[in-house]
Amino acid sequence: TCPVTHRPGGTESAEAGVSTAPTVSAPSDSADVADRFERVAGSVFVGLFAAGVFDQAMLPPVSAALEDTGRIRDALWDRALRTAASDQIVFHGREADRRAEMERLVQLHRDVKGVGENGVRYSALNPESWNWILISTFFVYRSAFVAVSGEELSATANQAIWDRFRQLTEGLQLAGSSRLID
């Protein structure tokens, strides 16, 4: 189920950016909102929300890896630019290109492992950290979609965009109990 919390009885939290009125969406409405989400998620407009991914660096193993490798210290915005370019392929590329890009990303991260100066062991391909980053990224894209589109999302619409995100990032999800939830 979608990780966006909803209140029982069809009312959702206004603070979460979702409609406070109960809504019923037909399956075609769900596909339509997921299509709109996908267009926004793969657009340059998401760049306006890039600061939202800096929470990922607060996860101790990610912080240790970033510090140890110098990926933020030496070139603060390079990681964000590479991520944005990769996202364009993941959200708008042909299927073969999308698959190849996701395989490339996993391959690039396989050697990012070690022990940081603070003694924290890290591995970029630790499923718990890797999949947590995907979930964090979902919330950035979802928030960007709501801000750019002005749409109020029902529980059904949130589920539709969560399902589309999971479908599009299937090749990035690592196995294990931390895999993106159904």
Protein backbone atom coordinates (compact mmCIF):
# COMPACT_ATOMS: atom_id res chain seq x y z
CA THR A 1 0.00 0.00 0.00
CA CYS A 2 1.01 3.58 -0.52
CA PRO A 3 3.20 4.93 2.32
CA VAL A 4 1.17 8.18 2.48
CA THR A 5 -0.89 8.01 5.68
CA HIS A 6 -4.65 8.39 5.35
CA ARG A 7 -7.32 8.74 8.00
CA PRO A 8 -10.06 6.12 8.12
CA GLY A 9 -13.44 7.00 6.66
CA GLY A 10 -12.14 8.65 3.52
CA THR A 11 -10.76 11.85 5.03
CA GLU A 12 -7.10 12.54 4.69
CA SER A 13 -4.73 14.94 6.31
CA ALA A 14 -4.64 18.40 4.76
CA GLU A 15 -1.07 18.72 6.02
CA ALA A 16 -0.09 15.71 3.89
CA GLY A 17 -1.29 17.51 0.78
CA VAL A 18 -4.25 15.23 0.14
CA SER A 19 -7.93 15.95 -0.26
CA THR A 20 -10.03 16.21 2.89
CA ALA A 21 -13.13 15.11 0.99
CA PRO A 22 -13.74 11.44 0.34
CA THR A 23 -13.22 10.64 -3.32
CA VAL A 24 -13.86 7.67 -5.50
CA SER A 25 -11.70 7.21 -8.54
CA ALA A 26 -12.44 4.96 -11.46
CA PRO A 27 -9.54 2.80 -12.70
CA SER A 28 -9.09 5.12 -15.69
CA ASP A 29 -8.75 8.06 -13.28
CA SER A 30 -5.98 6.17 -11.48
CA ALA A 31 -4.16 5.55 -14.76
CA ASP A 32 -4.58 9.20 -15.72
CA VAL A 33 -3.16 10.53 -12.45
CA ALA A 34 -0.29 8.03 -12.67
CA ASP A 35 0.44 9.23 -16.24
CA ARG A 36 0.46 12.85 -15.07
CA PHE A 37 2.69 11.93 -12.14
CA GLU A 38 5.13 10.20 -14.49
CA ARG A 39 5.32 13.28 -16.76
CA VAL A 40 6.08 15.57 -13.81
CA ALA A 41 8.51 13.11 -12.18
CA GLY A 42 10.61 12.98 -15.32
CA SER A 43 10.52 16.70 -15.99
CA VAL A 44 12.99 19.45 -15.23
CA PHE A 45 10.50 20.89 -12.74
CA VAL A 46 11.54 18.24 -10.19
CA GLY A 47 14.88 20.07 -10.02
CA LEU A 48 13.09 22.77 -8.04
CA PHE A 49 12.58 20.18 -5.30
CA ALA A 50 16.10 18.70 -5.31
CA ALA A 51 16.77 19.85 -1.75
CA GLY A 52 14.21 17.24 -0.68
CA VAL A 53 16.69 14.43 -1.32
CA PHE A 54 19.30 15.81 1.07
CA ASP A 55 17.47 14.01 3.89
CA GLN A 56 19.03 10.87 2.44
CA ALA A 57 22.43 12.02 3.69
CA MET A 58 21.08 11.89 7.27
CA LEU A 59 20.98 8.08 7.18
CA PRO A 60 24.22 7.16 9.01
CA PRO A 61 25.58 4.69 6.42
CA VAL A 62 24.79 7.11 3.57
CA SER A 63 26.40 9.97 5.46
CA ALA A 64 29.50 7.85 6.08
CA ALA A 65 29.73 6.89 2.40
CA LEU A 66 29.28 10.46 1.20
CA GLU A 67 31.90 11.73 3.64
CA ASP A 68 34.37 8.93 2.96
CA THR A 69 34.10 9.17 -0.83
CA GLY A 70 33.95 12.99 -0.89
CA ARG A 71 30.94 12.92 -3.23
CA ILE A 72 29.32 15.91 -1.58
CA ARG A 73 32.36 17.62 -0.09
CA ASP A 74 34.25 17.81 -3.40
CA ALA A 75 31.37 18.39 -5.80
CA LEU A 76 28.16 19.29 -3.97
CA TRP A 77 25.83 19.53 -6.97
CA ASP A 78 27.37 16.86 -9.22
CA ARG A 79 25.47 14.05 -7.50
CA ALA A 80 22.20 15.94 -7.91
CA LEU A 81 22.88 16.59 -11.59
CA ARG A 82 23.76 12.95 -12.25
CA THR A 83 20.62 11.86 -10.42
CA ALA A 84 18.47 14.25 -12.45
CA ALA A 85 19.93 12.97 -15.72
CA SER A 86 19.36 9.39 -14.66
CA ASP A 87 15.78 10.16 -13.61
CA GLN A 88 15.05 11.49 -17.10
CA ILE A 89 15.94 8.07 -18.49
CA VAL A 90 14.10 6.11 -15.78
CA PHE A 91 10.88 8.11 -16.22
CA HIS A 92 10.93 8.88 -19.93
CA GLY A 93 13.33 6.46 -21.60
CA ARG A 94 12.48 3.52 -23.80
CA GLU A 95 12.16 0.27 -21.85
CA ALA A 96 15.58 -1.05 -22.94
CA ASP A 97 17.24 2.26 -22.01
CA ARG A 98 15.45 2.35 -18.66
CA ARG A 99 16.57 -1.19 -17.84
CA ALA A 100 20.15 -0.44 -18.91
CA GLU A 101 20.23 2.74 -16.81
CA MET A 102 19.00 0.95 -13.70
CA GLU A 103 21.60 -1.80 -14.19
CA ARG A 104 24.26 0.90 -14.68
CA LEU A 105 23.26 2.60 -11.42
CA VAL A 106 23.49 -0.62 -9.43
CA GLN A 107 26.86 -1.40 -11.06
CA LEU A 108 28.24 2.08 -10.27
CA HIS A 109 27.35 1.71 -6.60
CA ARG A 110 28.78 -1.79 -6.04
CA ASP A 111 32.24 -0.49 -5.04
CA VAL A 112 30.88 2.15 -2.65
CA LYS A 113 31.53 0.32 0.60
CA GLY A 114 33.82 0.61 3.56
CA VAL A 115 34.07 2.10 7.02
CA GLY A 116 33.69 5.85 7.45
CA GLU A 117 35.90 8.01 9.68
CA ASN A 118 33.18 7.79 12.33
CA GLY A 119 33.48 3.96 12.34
CA VAL A 120 30.14 3.43 10.57
CA ARG A 121 30.24 0.58 8.07
CA TYR A 122 28.51 1.34 4.81
CA SER A 123 27.64 -0.27 1.52
CA ALA A 124 25.67 1.58 -1.11
CA LEU A 125 24.00 -1.71 -2.01
CA ASN A 126 22.79 -2.44 1.50
CA PRO A 127 19.12 -3.19 0.69
CA GLU A 128 17.79 -1.34 3.74
CA SER A 129 19.61 1.90 2.90
CA TRP A 130 19.17 1.60 -0.87
CA ASN A 131 15.43 0.94 -0.70
CA TRP A 132 14.95 3.63 1.95
CA ILE A 133 16.49 6.09 -0.51
CA LEU A 134 13.96 4.99 -3.13
CA ILE A 135 11.10 5.63 -0.69
CA SER A 136 12.57 9.02 0.21
CA THR A 137 12.80 9.80 -3.50
CA PHE A 138 9.15 8.85 -3.97
CA PHE A 139 8.11 11.49 -1.44
CA VAL A 140 10.15 14.14 -3.28
CA TYR A 141 8.47 13.23 -6.57
CA ARG A 142 5.03 13.05 -4.98
CA SER A 143 5.48 16.46 -3.35
CA ALA A 144 6.76 17.92 -6.61
CA PHE A 145 3.75 16.49 -8.45
CA VAL A 146 1.29 18.02 -5.98
CA ALA A 147 3.04 21.41 -6.10
CA VAL A 148 3.44 21.51 -9.88
CA SER A 149 0.00 20.12 -10.76
CA GLY A 150 -2.01 21.69 -7.94
CA GLU A 151 -3.93 18.43 -7.64
CA GLU A 152 -5.43 17.24 -4.37
CA LEU A 153 -4.74 13.53 -4.18
CA SER A 154 -7.24 11.01 -2.90
CA ALA A 155 -6.15 7.75 -1.31
CA THR A 156 -6.82 6.06 -4.66
CA ALA A 157 -4.71 8.61 -6.55
CA ASN A 158 -1.87 8.28 -4.02
CA GLN A 159 -1.99 4.52 -4.46
CA ALA A 160 -1.92 4.89 -8.24
CA ILE A 161 1.19 7.08 -8.21
CA TRP A 162 2.87 4.81 -5.65
CA ASP A 163 2.16 1.80 -7.86
CA ARG A 164 3.52 3.62 -10.93
CA PHE A 165 6.67 4.68 -9.06
CA ARG A 166 7.27 1.09 -7.91
CA GLN A 167 6.70 -0.16 -11.46
CA LEU A 168 9.14 2.37 -12.94
CA THR A 169 11.82 1.71 -10.34
CA GLU A 170 11.41 -2.08 -10.23
CA GLY A 171 14.93 -2.55 -11.60
CA LEU A 172 16.39 -0.46 -8.77
CA GLN A 173 14.72 -2.21 -5.86
CA LEU A 174 16.98 -4.59 -4.00
CA ALA A 175 15.72 -7.89 -2.58
CA GLY A 176 14.93 -8.36 1.06
CA SER A 177 12.44 -7.29 3.69
CA SER A 178 13.13 -3.61 2.96
CA ARG A 179 11.91 -3.95 -0.64
CA LEU A 180 9.31 -1.33 -1.55
CA ILE A 181 6.02 -2.40 -0.02
CA ASP A 182 3.03 -3.56 -2.08
